[in-house]
Amino acid sequence: MNKAYKILIYAGAVGVLLAVFTLYTRPEFLFTLANQVWACF
């Protein structure tokens, strides 16, 4: 596997993790997520 390709994959994974972390710092997102999970029961 090419070294540049591996770096690109790692950068993409870090970007996804940062995006998820940003969503979890927003209280309205957590409230909506909790309501959607609770609606399943």
N, C-alpha and C. Protein backbone atom coordinates (compact mmCIF):
# COMPACT_ATOMS: atom_id res chain seq x y z
N MET A 1 0.84 -1.19 0.00
CA MET A 1 0.00 0.00 0.00
C MET A 1 0.89 1.25 0.00
N ASN A 2 0.47 2.24 -0.75
CA ASN A 2 1.24 3.47 -0.86
C ASN A 2 1.19 4.26 0.44
N LYS A 3 2.30 4.91 0.78
CA LYS A 3 2.37 5.67 2.03
C LYS A 3 1.39 6.85 2.03
N ALA A 4 1.26 7.51 0.89
CA ALA A 4 0.32 8.64 0.80
C ALA A 4 -1.12 8.16 0.97
N TYR A 5 -1.43 7.00 0.44
CA TYR A 5 -2.78 6.43 0.58
C TYR A 5 -3.09 6.13 2.05
N LYS A 6 -2.11 5.59 2.76
CA LYS A 6 -2.29 5.28 4.18
C LYS A 6 -2.50 6.56 4.99
N ILE A 7 -1.74 7.61 4.69
CA ILE A 7 -1.91 8.89 5.38
C ILE A 7 -3.29 9.46 5.11
N LEU A 8 -3.77 9.33 3.88
CA LEU A 8 -5.10 9.81 3.53
C LEU A 8 -6.19 9.07 4.30
N ILE A 9 -6.03 7.78 4.47
CA ILE A 9 -6.99 6.99 5.24
C ILE A 9 -7.00 7.43 6.71
N TYR A 10 -5.82 7.62 7.29
CA TYR A 10 -5.74 8.07 8.67
C TYR A 10 -6.34 9.46 8.85
N ALA A 11 -6.07 10.35 7.91
CA ALA A 11 -6.63 11.71 7.98
C ALA A 11 -8.15 11.67 7.90
N GLY A 12 -8.68 10.82 7.06
CA GLY A 12 -10.14 10.66 6.96
C GLY A 12 -10.74 10.14 8.24
N ALA A 13 -10.09 9.15 8.85
CA ALA A 13 -10.59 8.59 10.11
C ALA A 13 -10.57 9.64 11.22
N VAL A 14 -9.49 10.42 11.29
CA VAL A 14 -9.40 11.49 12.30
C VAL A 14 -10.48 12.54 12.05
N GLY A 15 -10.75 12.85 10.80
CA GLY A 15 -11.80 13.81 10.47
C GLY A 15 -13.17 13.34 10.91
N VAL A 16 -13.46 12.06 10.69
CA VAL A 16 -14.74 11.50 11.12
C VAL A 16 -14.85 11.53 12.64
N LEU A 17 -13.79 11.17 13.34
CA LEU A 17 -13.83 11.19 14.81
C LEU A 17 -14.02 12.61 15.34
N LEU A 18 -13.38 13.59 14.74
CA LEU A 18 -13.56 14.97 15.16
C LEU A 18 -14.98 15.45 14.91
N ALA A 19 -15.57 15.05 13.80
CA ALA A 19 -16.96 15.43 13.50
C ALA A 19 -17.91 14.84 14.53
N VAL A 20 -17.72 13.57 14.90
CA VAL A 20 -18.57 12.95 15.92
C VAL A 20 -18.37 13.62 17.26
N PHE A 21 -17.14 13.94 17.62
CA PHE A 21 -16.88 14.63 18.89
C PHE A 21 -17.57 15.99 18.91
N THR A 22 -17.54 16.70 17.79
CA THR A 22 -18.20 18.01 17.71
C THR A 22 -19.70 17.87 17.93
N LEU A 23 -20.31 16.83 17.37
CA LEU A 23 -21.75 16.63 17.57
C LEU A 23 -22.07 16.35 19.03
N TYR A 24 -21.23 15.62 19.72
CA TYR A 24 -21.49 15.29 21.11
C TYR A 24 -21.31 16.48 22.05
N THR A 25 -20.67 17.54 21.60
CA THR A 25 -20.53 18.72 22.45
C THR A 25 -21.74 19.65 22.32
N ARG A 26 -22.69 19.32 21.44
CA ARG A 26 -23.89 20.13 21.26
C ARG A 26 -25.03 19.50 22.04
N PRO A 27 -25.54 20.17 23.08
CA PRO A 27 -26.60 19.58 23.92
C PRO A 27 -27.88 19.25 23.16
N GLU A 28 -28.25 20.08 22.17
CA GLU A 28 -29.48 19.80 21.44
C GLU A 28 -29.38 18.51 20.63
N PHE A 29 -28.18 18.20 20.16
CA PHE A 29 -27.99 16.94 19.43
C PHE A 29 -28.16 15.75 20.39
N LEU A 30 -27.57 15.85 21.57
CA LEU A 30 -27.70 14.76 22.54
C LEU A 30 -29.15 14.56 22.95
N PHE A 31 -29.89 15.66 23.13
CA PHE A 31 -31.29 15.58 23.51
C PHE A 31 -32.11 14.90 22.41
N THR A 32 -31.86 15.28 21.16
CA THR A 32 -32.56 14.67 20.03
C THR A 32 -32.21 13.19 19.91
N LEU A 33 -30.95 12.86 20.07
CA LEU A 33 -30.51 11.48 19.99
C LEU A 33 -31.17 10.63 21.09
N ALA A 34 -31.22 11.17 22.30
CA ALA A 34 -31.85 10.44 23.40
C ALA A 34 -33.34 10.23 23.14
N ASN A 35 -34.00 11.23 22.59
CA ASN A 35 -35.43 11.08 22.28
C ASN A 35 -35.66 10.04 21.20
N GLN A 36 -34.78 9.99 20.21
CA GLN A 36 -34.93 8.99 19.14
C GLN A 36 -34.69 7.59 19.65
N VAL A 37 -33.71 7.43 20.53
CA VAL A 37 -33.45 6.10 21.10
C VAL A 37 -34.61 5.68 21.99
N TRP A 38 -35.14 6.62 22.78
CA TRP A 38 -36.26 6.31 23.69
C TRP A 38 -37.51 5.96 22.89
N ALA A 39 -37.69 6.56 21.71
CA ALA A 39 -38.88 6.29 20.89
C ALA A 39 -38.88 4.85 20.36
N CYS A 40 -37.75 4.20 20.34
CA CYS A 40 -37.69 2.81 19.88
C CYS A 40 -38.37 1.86 20.86
N PHE A 41 -38.48 2.26 22.12
CA PHE A 41 -39.09 1.41 23.13
C PHE A 41 -40.46 1.90 23.39
